[in-house]
Amino acid sequence: MRKINRLSREDAEEIAISGLQFLVQDPEALGRFLALSGIGPGDIRAAAQEPGFLTGVLEFYLEDESLLLAFAASRSIRPVMVAAARHVLSPDTEDFS
């Protein structure tokens, strides 16, 4: 039987931080993210330290397939890794359909 490698919390955080960096490069997507999250542009760094922020970044991608695919392609990861990272960072949250 083959051992299944699990995504570590550190790896999940790295994917989320990479997602935030990708958003910063896309002013339109960043604007939508900020509007939905209620965070001002000057508050991103402080907000990034809050529990749940990185989960929110990943959820933002999971709600926009075209953005998810662009991000995943830019980082050479499978889109499902974003969902896996979200689950690692917030395992008690129900998955959405």
C-alpha atoms as a PDB file:
ATOM      1  CA  MET A   1       0.000   0.000   0.000  1.00  0.00           C
ATOM      2  CA  ARG A   2       1.332   3.419  -0.943  1.00  0.00           C
ATOM      3  CA  LYS A   3       1.733   6.045   1.785  1.00  0.00           C
ATOM      4  CA  ILE A   4      -0.261   9.207   1.210  1.00  0.00           C
ATOM      5  CA  ASN A   5       1.708  12.403   1.675  1.00  0.00           C
ATOM      6  CA  ARG A   6      -0.236  15.016   3.545  1.00  0.00           C
ATOM      7  CA  LEU A   7       0.100  18.735   3.041  1.00  0.00           C
ATOM      8  CA  SER A   8       1.768  20.285   6.076  1.00  0.00           C
ATOM      9  CA  ARG A   9       0.509  23.451   7.714  1.00  0.00           C
ATOM     10  CA  GLU A  10       3.713  25.164   6.608  1.00  0.00           C
ATOM     11  CA  ASP A  11       3.103  24.121   2.988  1.00  0.00           C
ATOM     12  CA  ALA A  12      -0.522  25.296   3.204  1.00  0.00           C
ATOM     13  CA  GLU A  13       0.572  28.667   4.571  1.00  0.00           C
ATOM     14  CA  GLU A  14       3.134  28.940   1.784  1.00  0.00           C
ATOM     15  CA  ILE A  15       0.421  28.363  -0.835  1.00  0.00           C
ATOM     16  CA  ALA A  16      -1.807  30.991   0.806  1.00  0.00           C
ATOM     17  CA  ILE A  17       1.006  33.548   1.055  1.00  0.00           C
ATOM     18  CA  SER A  18       1.858  32.878  -2.578  1.00  0.00           C
ATOM     19  CA  GLY A  19      -1.820  33.453  -3.365  1.00  0.00           C
ATOM     20  CA  LEU A  20      -1.715  36.809  -1.607  1.00  0.00           C
ATOM     21  CA  GLN A  21       1.404  37.771  -3.566  1.00  0.00           C
ATOM     22  CA  PHE A  22      -0.373  36.818  -6.794  1.00  0.00           C
ATOM     23  CA  LEU A  23      -3.375  38.971  -5.829  1.00  0.00           C
ATOM     24  CA  VAL A  24      -1.154  41.996  -5.219  1.00  0.00           C
ATOM     25  CA  GLN A  25       0.003  41.729  -8.838  1.00  0.00           C
ATOM     26  CA  ASP A  26      -3.596  41.900 -10.105  1.00  0.00           C
ATOM     27  CA  PRO A  27      -5.189  45.210  -9.032  1.00  0.00           C
ATOM     28  CA  GLU A  28      -8.691  44.187 -10.150  1.00  0.00           C
ATOM     29  CA  ALA A  29      -8.644  40.892  -8.224  1.00  0.00           C
ATOM     30  CA  LEU A  30      -7.021  42.570  -5.224  1.00  0.00           C
ATOM     31  CA  GLY A  31      -9.745  45.218  -5.243  1.00  0.00           C
ATOM     32  CA  ARG A  32     -12.447  42.539  -5.213  1.00  0.00           C
ATOM     33  CA  PHE A  33     -10.686  40.664  -2.418  1.00  0.00           C
ATOM     34  CA  LEU A  34     -10.374  43.809  -0.315  1.00  0.00           C
ATOM     35  CA  ALA A  35     -14.000  44.762  -0.940  1.00  0.00           C
ATOM     36  CA  LEU A  36     -15.253  41.303   0.016  1.00  0.00           C
ATOM     37  CA  SER A  37     -13.033  41.044   3.082  1.00  0.00           C
ATOM     38  CA  GLY A  38     -13.639  44.596   4.272  1.00  0.00           C
ATOM     39  CA  ILE A  39      -9.913  45.241   4.543  1.00  0.00           C
ATOM     40  CA  GLY A  40      -8.380  48.512   3.414  1.00  0.00           C
ATOM     41  CA  PRO A  41      -5.262  48.506   1.216  1.00  0.00           C
ATOM     42  CA  GLY A  42      -3.146  49.838   4.067  1.00  0.00           C
ATOM     43  CA  ASP A  43      -4.366  47.134   6.439  1.00  0.00           C
ATOM     44  CA  ILE A  44      -3.280  44.038   4.508  1.00  0.00           C
ATOM     45  CA  ARG A  45      -0.088  43.441   6.492  1.00  0.00           C
ATOM     46  CA  ALA A  46      -1.836  43.706   9.840  1.00  0.00           C
ATOM     47  CA  ALA A  47      -4.754  41.581   8.625  1.00  0.00           C
ATOM     48  CA  ALA A  48      -2.372  38.906   7.351  1.00  0.00           C
ATOM     49  CA  GLN A  49      -1.349  38.262  10.948  1.00  0.00           C
ATOM     50  CA  GLU A  50      -4.926  37.531  12.004  1.00  0.00           C
ATOM     51  CA  PRO A  51      -6.165  33.955  12.337  1.00  0.00           C
ATOM     52  CA  GLY A  52      -8.275  33.015   9.368  1.00  0.00           C
ATOM     53  CA  PHE A  53      -6.845  35.571   6.963  1.00  0.00           C
ATOM     54  CA  LEU A  54      -4.863  33.045   4.918  1.00  0.00           C
ATOM     55  CA  THR A  55      -7.905  30.779   4.830  1.00  0.00           C
ATOM     56  CA  GLY A  56      -9.853  33.722   3.425  1.00  0.00           C
ATOM     57  CA  VAL A  57      -7.279  34.211   0.686  1.00  0.00           C
ATOM     58  CA  LEU A  58      -7.632  30.583  -0.362  1.00  0.00           C
ATOM     59  CA  GLU A  59     -11.430  30.724  -0.215  1.00  0.00           C
ATOM     60  CA  PHE A  60     -11.346  33.763  -2.481  1.00  0.00           C
ATOM     61  CA  TYR A  61      -9.566  31.664  -5.117  1.00  0.00           C
ATOM     62  CA  LEU A  62     -11.936  28.747  -4.639  1.00  0.00           C
ATOM     63  CA  GLU A  63     -14.874  31.019  -5.434  1.00  0.00           C
ATOM     64  CA  ASP A  64     -13.411  32.205  -8.769  1.00  0.00           C
ATOM     65  CA  GLU A  65     -12.401  29.351 -11.058  1.00  0.00           C
ATOM     66  CA  SER A  66     -10.616  31.486 -13.660  1.00  0.00           C
ATOM     67  CA  LEU A  67      -8.554  33.222 -10.983  1.00  0.00           C
ATOM     68  CA  LEU A  68      -7.856  29.872  -9.311  1.00  0.00           C
ATOM     69  CA  LEU A  69      -6.625  28.382 -12.565  1.00  0.00           C
ATOM     70  CA  ALA A  70      -4.435  31.411 -13.325  1.00  0.00           C
ATOM     71  CA  PHE A  71      -2.904  31.333  -9.848  1.00  0.00           C
ATOM     72  CA  ALA A  72      -2.303  27.577  -9.932  1.00  0.00           C
ATOM     73  CA  ALA A  73      -0.695  27.789 -13.371  1.00  0.00           C
ATOM     74  CA  SER A  74       1.553  30.652 -12.275  1.00  0.00           C
ATOM     75  CA  ARG A  75       2.839  28.589  -9.346  1.00  0.00           C
ATOM     76  CA  SER A  76       2.912  25.251 -11.189  1.00  0.00           C
ATOM     77  CA  ILE A  77       0.563  23.616  -8.699  1.00  0.00           C
ATOM     78  CA  ARG A  78      -2.653  21.704  -9.242  1.00  0.00           C
ATOM     79  CA  PRO A  79      -5.781  23.727  -8.402  1.00  0.00           C
ATOM     80  CA  VAL A  80      -6.834  21.009  -5.952  1.00  0.00           C
ATOM     81  CA  MET A  81      -3.806  21.949  -3.839  1.00  0.00           C
ATOM     82  CA  VAL A  82      -5.483  25.265  -3.048  1.00  0.00           C
ATOM     83  CA  ALA A  83      -8.498  23.409  -1.667  1.00  0.00           C
ATOM     84  CA  ALA A  84      -6.225  21.061   0.263  1.00  0.00           C
ATOM     85  CA  ALA A  85      -4.322  24.009   1.735  1.00  0.00           C
ATOM     86  CA  ARG A  86      -7.593  25.641   2.765  1.00  0.00           C
ATOM     87  CA  HIS A  87      -8.629  22.455   4.526  1.00  0.00           C
ATOM     88  CA  VAL A  88      -5.295  22.208   6.364  1.00  0.00           C
ATOM     89  CA  LEU A  89      -5.548  25.807   7.564  1.00  0.00           C
ATOM     90  CA  SER A  90      -9.177  25.506   8.606  1.00  0.00           C
ATOM     91  CA  PRO A  91     -10.134  21.848   9.025  1.00  0.00           C
ATOM     92  CA  ASP A  92     -13.222  22.568  11.137  1.00  0.00           C
ATOM     93  CA  THR A  93     -14.861  24.743   8.493  1.00  0.00           C
ATOM     94  CA  GLU A  94     -17.407  23.028   6.274  1.00  0.00           C
ATOM     95  CA  ASP A  95     -16.405  22.631   2.678  1.00  0.00           C
ATOM     96  CA  PHE A  96     -18.577  24.684   0.361  1.00  0.00           C
ATOM     97  CA  SER A  97     -20.079  23.515  -2.877  1.00  0.00           C
END
